[in-house]
Amino acid sequence: MNILSYPSVGRYMGVTRDEVRGQYRIIVYGALNAYGLIGPEINGIAVLDEDERVVLLDRHAQQDTGYFGPSREQVKEFERLVNLPYEELTEFVESHPNYRYRR
């Protein structure tokens, strides 16, 4: 599996999982496009705010490389997140160490 053959969401490339829960869009991505420099070492799960159009957090459950697709742990964590009750998902996002958007 070459993640570059999968779709992109903004700067996040190789998106293999994509789910919208209310205002949250949760994706699993394999690389970050930094103005043309593709970095598969920057991968994981990102949570985007569809209402505000901002990145809330990324690099959650990061692995050494995302070039060959998501790890089992990333897929399992994605499934956990998309199945959390909405209030718990909000708490997870807002308490995450990589949370970067303060209202």
C-alpha atoms as a PDB file:
ATOM      1  CA  MET A   1       0.000   0.000   0.000  1.00  0.00           C
ATOM      2  CA  ASN A   2       1.383   3.380  -1.034  1.00  0.00           C
ATOM      3  CA  ILE A   3      -0.423   6.097   0.897  1.00  0.00           C
ATOM      4  CA  LEU A   4       0.244   8.680  -1.803  1.00  0.00           C
ATOM      5  CA  SER A   5      -2.414   6.978  -3.947  1.00  0.00           C
ATOM      6  CA  TYR A   6      -5.085   7.869  -1.344  1.00  0.00           C
ATOM      7  CA  PRO A   7      -6.917  11.218  -1.177  1.00  0.00           C
ATOM      8  CA  SER A   8      -5.717  14.308   0.640  1.00  0.00           C
ATOM      9  CA  VAL A   9      -7.556  16.576   3.038  1.00  0.00           C
ATOM     10  CA  GLY A  10      -5.822  19.926   3.025  1.00  0.00           C
ATOM     11  CA  ARG A  11      -2.163  19.284   3.823  1.00  0.00           C
ATOM     12  CA  TYR A  12      -2.892  15.771   5.109  1.00  0.00           C
ATOM     13  CA  MET A  13      -2.044  13.150   2.499  1.00  0.00           C
ATOM     14  CA  GLY A  14      -2.831   9.463   2.253  1.00  0.00           C
ATOM     15  CA  VAL A  15      -6.147   9.715   4.073  1.00  0.00           C
ATOM     16  CA  THR A  16      -7.356   6.159   4.632  1.00  0.00           C
ATOM     17  CA  ARG A  17     -10.138   6.876   7.148  1.00  0.00           C
ATOM     18  CA  ASP A  18     -12.445   9.900   7.183  1.00  0.00           C
ATOM     19  CA  GLU A  19     -15.520  10.384   9.354  1.00  0.00           C
ATOM     20  CA  VAL A  20     -17.562  13.438  10.321  1.00  0.00           C
ATOM     21  CA  ARG A  21     -19.156  13.545  13.803  1.00  0.00           C
ATOM     22  CA  GLY A  22     -21.076  16.768  14.291  1.00  0.00           C
ATOM     23  CA  GLN A  23     -18.555  19.585  13.942  1.00  0.00           C
ATOM     24  CA  TYR A  24     -15.597  17.164  14.103  1.00  0.00           C
ATOM     25  CA  ARG A  25     -13.940  15.541  11.119  1.00  0.00           C
ATOM     26  CA  ILE A  26     -11.633  12.710  12.161  1.00  0.00           C
ATOM     27  CA  ILE A  27      -9.069  11.442   9.665  1.00  0.00           C
ATOM     28  CA  VAL A  28      -6.204   8.965   9.578  1.00  0.00           C
ATOM     29  CA  TYR A  29      -3.423  10.294   7.374  1.00  0.00           C
ATOM     30  CA  GLY A  30      -0.086   8.915   6.240  1.00  0.00           C
ATOM     31  CA  ALA A  31       1.936  12.059   5.515  1.00  0.00           C
ATOM     32  CA  LEU A  32       1.972  15.827   5.753  1.00  0.00           C
ATOM     33  CA  ASN A  33       2.530  17.988   2.691  1.00  0.00           C
ATOM     34  CA  ALA A  34       4.720  20.846   3.860  1.00  0.00           C
ATOM     35  CA  TYR A  35       4.622  23.051   0.747  1.00  0.00           C
ATOM     36  CA  GLY A  36       5.694  20.222  -1.543  1.00  0.00           C
ATOM     37  CA  LEU A  37       7.934  18.370   0.905  1.00  0.00           C
ATOM     38  CA  ILE A  38       6.053  15.156   1.720  1.00  0.00           C
ATOM     39  CA  GLY A  39       6.756  13.915   5.238  1.00  0.00           C
ATOM     40  CA  PRO A  40       5.492  10.397   6.018  1.00  0.00           C
ATOM     41  CA  GLU A  41       7.171  10.689   9.427  1.00  0.00           C
ATOM     42  CA  ILE A  42       4.374  13.132  10.293  1.00  0.00           C
ATOM     43  CA  ASN A  43       1.298  10.924  10.335  1.00  0.00           C
ATOM     44  CA  GLY A  44      -1.490   9.768  12.586  1.00  0.00           C
ATOM     45  CA  ILE A  45      -4.977  10.927  13.423  1.00  0.00           C
ATOM     46  CA  ALA A  46      -6.155  14.506  13.009  1.00  0.00           C
ATOM     47  CA  VAL A  47      -9.334  16.110  14.268  1.00  0.00           C
ATOM     48  CA  LEU A  48     -10.599  19.040  12.234  1.00  0.00           C
ATOM     49  CA  ASP A  49     -13.382  21.493  13.079  1.00  0.00           C
ATOM     50  CA  GLU A  50     -15.732  21.579  10.095  1.00  0.00           C
ATOM     51  CA  ASP A  51     -17.599  24.660  11.378  1.00  0.00           C
ATOM     52  CA  GLU A  52     -14.546  26.840  12.029  1.00  0.00           C
ATOM     53  CA  ARG A  53     -12.435  25.230   9.258  1.00  0.00           C
ATOM     54  CA  VAL A  54      -9.409  24.746  11.540  1.00  0.00           C
ATOM     55  CA  VAL A  55      -7.185  21.893  12.662  1.00  0.00           C
ATOM     56  CA  LEU A  56      -7.886  21.084  16.293  1.00  0.00           C
ATOM     57  CA  LEU A  57      -5.175  18.463  16.703  1.00  0.00           C
ATOM     58  CA  ASP A  58      -2.984  16.181  14.654  1.00  0.00           C
ATOM     59  CA  ARG A  59      -0.196  13.615  15.054  1.00  0.00           C
ATOM     60  CA  HIS A  60      -2.317  11.611  17.501  1.00  0.00           C
ATOM     61  CA  ALA A  61      -1.182   7.952  17.593  1.00  0.00           C
ATOM     62  CA  GLN A  62       1.779   8.795  15.339  1.00  0.00           C
ATOM     63  CA  GLN A  63       4.029   5.956  14.155  1.00  0.00           C
ATOM     64  CA  ASP A  64       7.549   5.943  12.706  1.00  0.00           C
ATOM     65  CA  THR A  65       6.275   6.229   9.132  1.00  0.00           C
ATOM     66  CA  GLY A  66       2.884   6.464   7.538  1.00  0.00           C
ATOM     67  CA  TYR A  67       4.148   5.632   4.058  1.00  0.00           C
ATOM     68  CA  PHE A  68       2.815   2.087   4.085  1.00  0.00           C
ATOM     69  CA  GLY A  69      -0.585   2.930   5.532  1.00  0.00           C
ATOM     70  CA  PRO A  70      -2.038   3.084   9.007  1.00  0.00           C
ATOM     71  CA  SER A  71      -0.955   0.732  11.751  1.00  0.00           C
ATOM     72  CA  ARG A  72      -3.442  -1.554  13.492  1.00  0.00           C
ATOM     73  CA  GLU A  73      -3.175   0.698  16.530  1.00  0.00           C
ATOM     74  CA  GLN A  74      -4.099   3.772  14.475  1.00  0.00           C
ATOM     75  CA  VAL A  75      -7.124   2.039  12.954  1.00  0.00           C
ATOM     76  CA  LYS A  76      -8.221   0.794  16.372  1.00  0.00           C
ATOM     77  CA  GLU A  77      -7.823   4.281  17.871  1.00  0.00           C
ATOM     78  CA  PHE A  78      -9.749   5.836  14.967  1.00  0.00           C
ATOM     79  CA  GLU A  79     -12.621   3.392  15.574  1.00  0.00           C
ATOM     80  CA  ARG A  80     -12.574   4.211  19.286  1.00  0.00           C
ATOM     81  CA  LEU A  81     -12.747   7.939  18.607  1.00  0.00           C
ATOM     82  CA  VAL A  82     -15.564   7.783  16.068  1.00  0.00           C
ATOM     83  CA  ASN A  83     -17.595   5.657  18.477  1.00  0.00           C
ATOM     84  CA  LEU A  84     -17.119   7.832  21.560  1.00  0.00           C
ATOM     85  CA  PRO A  85     -20.189   9.651  22.836  1.00  0.00           C
ATOM     86  CA  TYR A  86     -20.046  13.208  21.499  1.00  0.00           C
ATOM     87  CA  GLU A  87     -19.382  14.771  24.915  1.00  0.00           C
ATOM     88  CA  GLU A  88     -16.470  12.397  25.533  1.00  0.00           C
ATOM     89  CA  LEU A  89     -15.073  13.131  22.075  1.00  0.00           C
ATOM     90  CA  THR A  90     -15.181  16.872  22.852  1.00  0.00           C
ATOM     91  CA  GLU A  91     -13.423  16.254  26.170  1.00  0.00           C
ATOM     92  CA  PHE A  92     -10.777  14.120  24.435  1.00  0.00           C
ATOM     93  CA  VAL A  93     -10.115  16.801  21.801  1.00  0.00           C
ATOM     94  CA  GLU A  94      -9.968  19.742  24.197  1.00  0.00           C
ATOM     95  CA  SER A  95      -7.703  17.956  26.681  1.00  0.00           C
ATOM     96  CA  HIS A  96      -5.303  16.510  24.084  1.00  0.00           C
ATOM     97  CA  PRO A  97      -1.676  17.719  24.394  1.00  0.00           C
ATOM     98  CA  ASN A  98      -1.668  18.653  20.679  1.00  0.00           C
ATOM     99  CA  TYR A  99      -4.910  20.657  20.887  1.00  0.00           C
ATOM    100  CA  ARG A 100      -4.153  23.983  19.236  1.00  0.00           C
ATOM    101  CA  TYR A 101      -7.349  25.954  18.864  1.00  0.00           C
ATOM    102  CA  ARG A 102      -8.649  27.942  21.799  1.00  0.00           C
ATOM    103  CA  ARG A 103     -11.946  29.756  21.376  1.00  0.00           C
END
